[in-house]
Amino acid sequence: MSNEEFKKRFLSFHSLIYRISCRILENGDDADDITQEVYIKLWEQRNNLGNIRNDEAFVVTLTKNLSIDWLRKNHRKTTSVIDNKDIRCENREEERMDARDELSNLMKCMSALPKTQQEVIRLRHFADLSIREIAEATRQTETNIRQLLSRARRTMKEKLNRNGNEQQ
């Protein structure tokens, strides 16, 4: 693939890549790093990208996966930094711990969902894509995307409610 073809196919996705990674990582600097990493991966694989049917879906999936990998890799570092800080206000520490527990429970529930439901939840709530954008990226109908989201949310809500009742 030539430089011009690469630019024509993938350069227009820059803001989408940044938005998705920023939404997942909640940090602009890290999102910049992931955006750069996506383009590096694409460039390194440019000769193998000819048979991709939907460039946008490929880029969204690559961005999502790299962002999640970054979170997994850096989660221990983040946790240890938070744990080692001397926090003056005990209420803030409790709130952080509660938020971390809630996020952990949410991620466990999400990981138990079928892969298609996980993907639409991530694209909708982490990448902040519209129903139409998700449908285009996954090559499914908007009705199907709404149904997948509804089922995923219902399943997660039920699991979270069951977990909450077990802990009380």
C-alpha atoms as a PDB file:
ATOM      1  CA  MET A   1       0.000   0.000   0.000  1.00  0.00           C
ATOM      2  CA  SER A   2       1.394   3.370  -0.970  1.00  0.00           C
ATOM      3  CA  ASN A   3       1.706   6.362   1.357  1.00  0.00           C
ATOM      4  CA  GLU A   4      -1.076   8.161  -0.490  1.00  0.00           C
ATOM      5  CA  GLU A   5      -3.450   5.207  -0.299  1.00  0.00           C
ATOM      6  CA  PHE A   6      -2.684   4.801   3.409  1.00  0.00           C
ATOM      7  CA  LYS A   7      -3.406   8.482   4.044  1.00  0.00           C
ATOM      8  CA  LYS A   8      -6.603   8.338   2.005  1.00  0.00           C
ATOM      9  CA  ARG A   9      -7.904   5.264   3.831  1.00  0.00           C
ATOM     10  CA  PHE A  10      -6.895   5.940   7.441  1.00  0.00           C
ATOM     11  CA  LEU A  11      -5.960   9.555   8.125  1.00  0.00           C
ATOM     12  CA  SER A  12      -9.585  10.682   8.320  1.00  0.00           C
ATOM     13  CA  PHE A  13     -10.107   8.489  11.404  1.00  0.00           C
ATOM     14  CA  HIS A  14      -7.756  10.535  13.600  1.00  0.00           C
ATOM     15  CA  SER A  15     -10.475  12.303  15.604  1.00  0.00           C
ATOM     16  CA  LEU A  16     -12.489   9.082  15.957  1.00  0.00           C
ATOM     17  CA  ILE A  17      -9.442   7.233  17.293  1.00  0.00           C
ATOM     18  CA  TYR A  18      -8.718  10.040  19.746  1.00  0.00           C
ATOM     19  CA  ARG A  19     -12.362  10.243  20.942  1.00  0.00           C
ATOM     20  CA  ILE A  20     -12.619   6.497  21.520  1.00  0.00           C
ATOM     21  CA  SER A  21      -9.326   6.222  23.370  1.00  0.00           C
ATOM     22  CA  CYS A  22      -9.994   9.374  25.388  1.00  0.00           C
ATOM     23  CA  ARG A  23     -13.400   8.060  26.416  1.00  0.00           C
ATOM     24  CA  ILE A  24     -11.929   4.725  27.515  1.00  0.00           C
ATOM     25  CA  LEU A  25      -8.763   6.077  29.148  1.00  0.00           C
ATOM     26  CA  GLU A  26     -10.232   9.346  30.473  1.00  0.00           C
ATOM     27  CA  ASN A  27      -6.912  11.070  29.820  1.00  0.00           C
ATOM     28  CA  GLY A  28      -6.026  13.201  26.802  1.00  0.00           C
ATOM     29  CA  ASP A  29      -2.286  12.543  26.941  1.00  0.00           C
ATOM     30  CA  ASP A  30      -2.814   8.783  27.058  1.00  0.00           C
ATOM     31  CA  ALA A  31      -5.370   9.082  24.253  1.00  0.00           C
ATOM     32  CA  ASP A  32      -2.730  10.885  22.157  1.00  0.00           C
ATOM     33  CA  ASP A  33      -0.329   8.001  22.819  1.00  0.00           C
ATOM     34  CA  ILE A  34      -2.937   5.412  21.813  1.00  0.00           C
ATOM     35  CA  THR A  35      -3.802   7.396  18.674  1.00  0.00           C
ATOM     36  CA  GLN A  36      -0.149   7.352  17.709  1.00  0.00           C
ATOM     37  CA  GLU A  37       0.092   3.641  18.536  1.00  0.00           C
ATOM     38  CA  VAL A  38      -2.927   2.868  16.316  1.00  0.00           C
ATOM     39  CA  TYR A  39      -1.297   4.613  13.377  1.00  0.00           C
ATOM     40  CA  ILE A  40       1.986   2.799  14.032  1.00  0.00           C
ATOM     41  CA  LYS A  41       0.192  -0.570  14.030  1.00  0.00           C
ATOM     42  CA  LEU A  42      -1.717   0.335  10.886  1.00  0.00           C
ATOM     43  CA  TRP A  43       1.469   1.469   9.142  1.00  0.00           C
ATOM     44  CA  GLU A  44       3.365  -1.669  10.140  1.00  0.00           C
ATOM     45  CA  GLN A  45       0.525  -3.824   8.788  1.00  0.00           C
ATOM     46  CA  ARG A  46      -0.257  -1.659   5.739  1.00  0.00           C
ATOM     47  CA  ASN A  47       0.561  -4.435   3.275  1.00  0.00           C
ATOM     48  CA  ASN A  48      -1.907  -6.786   5.002  1.00  0.00           C
ATOM     49  CA  LEU A  49      -4.834  -4.342   5.125  1.00  0.00           C
ATOM     50  CA  GLY A  50      -6.017  -4.830   1.552  1.00  0.00           C
ATOM     51  CA  ASN A  51      -8.741  -7.350   2.388  1.00  0.00           C
ATOM     52  CA  ILE A  52     -10.398  -5.278   5.125  1.00  0.00           C
ATOM     53  CA  ARG A  53     -13.988  -4.570   4.137  1.00  0.00           C
ATOM     54  CA  ASN A  54     -14.724  -1.815   6.644  1.00  0.00           C
ATOM     55  CA  ASP A  55     -11.775   0.409   7.540  1.00  0.00           C
ATOM     56  CA  GLU A  56     -13.716   2.274  10.223  1.00  0.00           C
ATOM     57  CA  ALA A  57     -14.786  -0.892  12.041  1.00  0.00           C
ATOM     58  CA  PHE A  58     -11.208  -2.164  11.919  1.00  0.00           C
ATOM     59  CA  VAL A  59      -9.831   1.113  13.289  1.00  0.00           C
ATOM     60  CA  VAL A  60     -12.489   1.262  16.043  1.00  0.00           C
ATOM     61  CA  THR A  61     -11.726  -2.308  17.113  1.00  0.00           C
ATOM     62  CA  LEU A  62      -7.961  -1.726  17.031  1.00  0.00           C
ATOM     63  CA  THR A  63      -8.330   1.489  19.058  1.00  0.00           C
ATOM     64  CA  LYS A  64     -10.604  -0.159  21.593  1.00  0.00           C
ATOM     65  CA  ASN A  65      -8.284  -3.143  22.013  1.00  0.00           C
ATOM     66  CA  LEU A  66      -5.139  -1.020  22.380  1.00  0.00           C
ATOM     67  CA  SER A  67      -6.887   1.245  24.905  1.00  0.00           C
ATOM     68  CA  ILE A  68      -8.116  -1.700  26.957  1.00  0.00           C
ATOM     69  CA  ASP A  69      -4.674  -3.318  26.818  1.00  0.00           C
ATOM     70  CA  TRP A  70      -3.183  -0.039  28.052  1.00  0.00           C
ATOM     71  CA  LEU A  71      -5.655   0.029  30.944  1.00  0.00           C
ATOM     72  CA  ARG A  72      -4.861  -3.552  31.889  1.00  0.00           C
ATOM     73  CA  LYS A  73      -1.117  -2.965  31.676  1.00  0.00           C
ATOM     74  CA  ASN A  74      -1.221   0.258  33.671  1.00  0.00           C
ATOM     75  CA  HIS A  75      -3.951  -0.689  36.140  1.00  0.00           C
ATOM     76  CA  ARG A  76      -1.472  -2.075  38.668  1.00  0.00           C
ATOM     77  CA  LYS A  77       0.663   1.052  38.428  1.00  0.00           C
ATOM     78  CA  THR A  78      -2.379   3.291  38.887  1.00  0.00           C
ATOM     79  CA  THR A  79      -3.666   1.238  41.792  1.00  0.00           C
ATOM     80  CA  SER A  80      -0.313   1.228  43.557  1.00  0.00           C
ATOM     81  CA  VAL A  81       0.075   4.991  43.113  1.00  0.00           C
ATOM     82  CA  ILE A  82      -3.407   5.572  44.558  1.00  0.00           C
ATOM     83  CA  ASP A  83      -2.774   3.169  47.427  1.00  0.00           C
ATOM     84  CA  ASN A  84       0.565   4.803  48.314  1.00  0.00           C
ATOM     85  CA  LYS A  85      -0.739   8.371  48.442  1.00  0.00           C
ATOM     86  CA  ASP A  86      -1.415   9.905  51.816  1.00  0.00           C
ATOM     87  CA  ILE A  87      -4.997  11.130  51.496  1.00  0.00           C
ATOM     88  CA  ARG A  88      -6.051  13.560  54.186  1.00  0.00           C
ATOM     89  CA  CYS A  89      -9.751  13.184  53.786  1.00  0.00           C
ATOM     90  CA  GLU A  90     -11.056   9.728  54.685  1.00  0.00           C
ATOM     91  CA  ASN A  91     -14.334  10.368  52.883  1.00  0.00           C
ATOM     92  CA  ARG A  92     -12.527  10.828  49.579  1.00  0.00           C
ATOM     93  CA  GLU A  93     -10.661   7.565  50.085  1.00  0.00           C
ATOM     94  CA  GLU A  94     -13.898   5.731  50.826  1.00  0.00           C
ATOM     95  CA  GLU A  95     -15.525   7.257  47.754  1.00  0.00           C
ATOM     96  CA  ARG A  96     -12.592   6.181  45.607  1.00  0.00           C
ATOM     97  CA  MET A  97     -12.685   2.676  46.988  1.00  0.00           C
ATOM     98  CA  ASP A  98     -16.419   2.460  46.413  1.00  0.00           C
ATOM     99  CA  ALA A  99     -15.993   3.738  42.865  1.00  0.00           C
ATOM    100  CA  ARG A 100     -13.188   1.264  42.230  1.00  0.00           C
ATOM    101  CA  ASP A 101     -15.321  -1.591  43.587  1.00  0.00           C
ATOM    102  CA  GLU A 102     -18.274  -0.500  41.476  1.00  0.00           C
ATOM    103  CA  LEU A 103     -16.091  -0.295  38.383  1.00  0.00           C
ATOM    104  CA  SER A 104     -14.616  -3.707  39.131  1.00  0.00           C
ATOM    105  CA  ASN A 105     -18.097  -5.214  39.527  1.00  0.00           C
ATOM    106  CA  LEU A 106     -19.249  -3.510  36.357  1.00  0.00           C
ATOM    107  CA  MET A 107     -16.277  -4.828  34.377  1.00  0.00           C
ATOM    108  CA  LYS A 108     -16.867  -8.360  35.734  1.00  0.00           C
ATOM    109  CA  CYS A 109     -20.496  -8.197  34.640  1.00  0.00           C
ATOM    110  CA  MET A 110     -19.453  -6.861  31.264  1.00  0.00           C
ATOM    111  CA  SER A 111     -16.880  -9.586  30.735  1.00  0.00           C
ATOM    112  CA  ALA A 112     -19.588 -12.226  31.293  1.00  0.00           C
ATOM    113  CA  LEU A 113     -21.651 -10.860  28.400  1.00  0.00           C
ATOM    114  CA  PRO A 114     -21.449 -12.365  24.919  1.00  0.00           C
ATOM    115  CA  LYS A 115     -18.753 -10.712  22.787  1.00  0.00           C
ATOM    116  CA  THR A 116     -21.248  -8.893  20.542  1.00  0.00           C
ATOM    117  CA  GLN A 117     -22.972  -7.328  23.552  1.00  0.00           C
ATOM    118  CA  GLN A 118     -19.629  -6.364  25.081  1.00  0.00           C
ATOM    119  CA  GLU A 119     -18.614  -4.678  21.850  1.00  0.00           C
ATOM    120  CA  VAL A 120     -21.786  -2.597  21.478  1.00  0.00           C
ATOM    121  CA  ILE A 121     -21.673  -1.556  25.162  1.00  0.00           C
ATOM    122  CA  ARG A 122     -18.066  -0.411  24.780  1.00  0.00           C
ATOM    123  CA  LEU A 123     -18.745   1.427  21.543  1.00  0.00           C
ATOM    124  CA  ARG A 124     -21.849   3.117  22.931  1.00  0.00           C
ATOM    125  CA  HIS A 125     -20.724   4.000  26.453  1.00  0.00           C
ATOM    126  CA  PHE A 126     -16.933   4.135  26.254  1.00  0.00           C
ATOM    127  CA  ALA A 127     -16.382   5.272  22.679  1.00  0.00           C
ATOM    128  CA  ASP A 128     -19.503   7.463  22.750  1.00  0.00           C
ATOM    129  CA  LEU A 129     -20.646   6.345  19.305  1.00  0.00           C
ATOM    130  CA  SER A 130     -24.231   6.771  18.138  1.00  0.00           C
ATOM    131  CA  ILE A 131     -26.460   3.801  17.334  1.00  0.00           C
ATOM    132  CA  ARG A 132     -26.003   4.554  13.638  1.00  0.00           C
ATOM    133  CA  GLU A 133     -22.193   4.704  13.948  1.00  0.00           C
ATOM    134  CA  ILE A 134     -22.142   1.391  15.826  1.00  0.00           C
ATOM    135  CA  ALA A 135     -24.403  -0.197  13.203  1.00  0.00           C
ATOM    136  CA  GLU A 136     -22.103   0.986  10.425  1.00  0.00           C
ATOM    137  CA  ALA A 137     -18.941  -0.093  12.252  1.00  0.00           C
ATOM    138  CA  THR A 138     -20.287  -3.574  13.037  1.00  0.00           C
ATOM    139  CA  ARG A 139     -22.325  -3.990   9.830  1.00  0.00           C
ATOM    140  CA  GLN A 140     -25.529  -4.690  11.751  1.00  0.00           C
ATOM    141  CA  THR A 141     -28.901  -2.990  11.690  1.00  0.00           C
ATOM    142  CA  GLU A 142     -29.702  -0.151  14.071  1.00  0.00           C
ATOM    143  CA  THR A 143     -32.596  -2.244  15.444  1.00  0.00           C
ATOM    144  CA  ASN A 144     -30.211  -5.088  16.202  1.00  0.00           C
ATOM    145  CA  ILE A 145     -27.800  -2.702  17.944  1.00  0.00           C
ATOM    146  CA  ARG A 146     -30.624  -1.338  20.121  1.00  0.00           C
ATOM    147  CA  GLN A 147     -31.679  -4.872  20.998  1.00  0.00           C
ATOM    148  CA  LEU A 148     -28.113  -5.912  21.868  1.00  0.00           C
ATOM    149  CA  LEU A 149     -27.708  -2.820  24.057  1.00  0.00           C
ATOM    150  CA  SER A 150     -31.015  -3.455  25.795  1.00  0.00           C
ATOM    151  CA  ARG A 151     -30.192  -7.100  26.508  1.00  0.00           C
ATOM    152  CA  ALA A 152     -26.692  -6.258  27.700  1.00  0.00           C
ATOM    153  CA  ARG A 153     -27.923  -3.513  30.032  1.00  0.00           C
ATOM    154  CA  ARG A 154     -30.692  -5.734  31.407  1.00  0.00           C
ATOM    155  CA  THR A 155     -28.283  -8.622  32.025  1.00  0.00           C
ATOM    156  CA  MET A 156     -25.739  -6.350  33.697  1.00  0.00           C
ATOM    157  CA  LYS A 157     -28.413  -4.716  35.853  1.00  0.00           C
ATOM    158  CA  GLU A 158     -29.679  -8.106  37.005  1.00  0.00           C
ATOM    159  CA  LYS A 159     -26.170  -9.318  37.838  1.00  0.00           C
ATOM    160  CA  LEU A 160     -25.298  -6.103  39.663  1.00  0.00           C
ATOM    161  CA  ASN A 161     -28.543  -6.283  41.659  1.00  0.00           C
ATOM    162  CA  ARG A 162     -27.883  -9.932  42.542  1.00  0.00           C
ATOM    163  CA  ASN A 163     -24.317  -9.090  43.614  1.00  0.00           C
ATOM    164  CA  GLY A 164     -25.575  -6.133  45.670  1.00  0.00           C
ATOM    165  CA  ASN A 165     -28.137  -8.286  47.473  1.00  0.00           C
ATOM    166  CA  GLU A 166     -25.571 -10.991  48.202  1.00  0.00           C
ATOM    167  CA  GLN A 167     -23.233  -8.486  49.840  1.00  0.00           C
ATOM    168  CA  GLN A 168     -25.914  -7.045  52.140  1.00  0.00           C
END
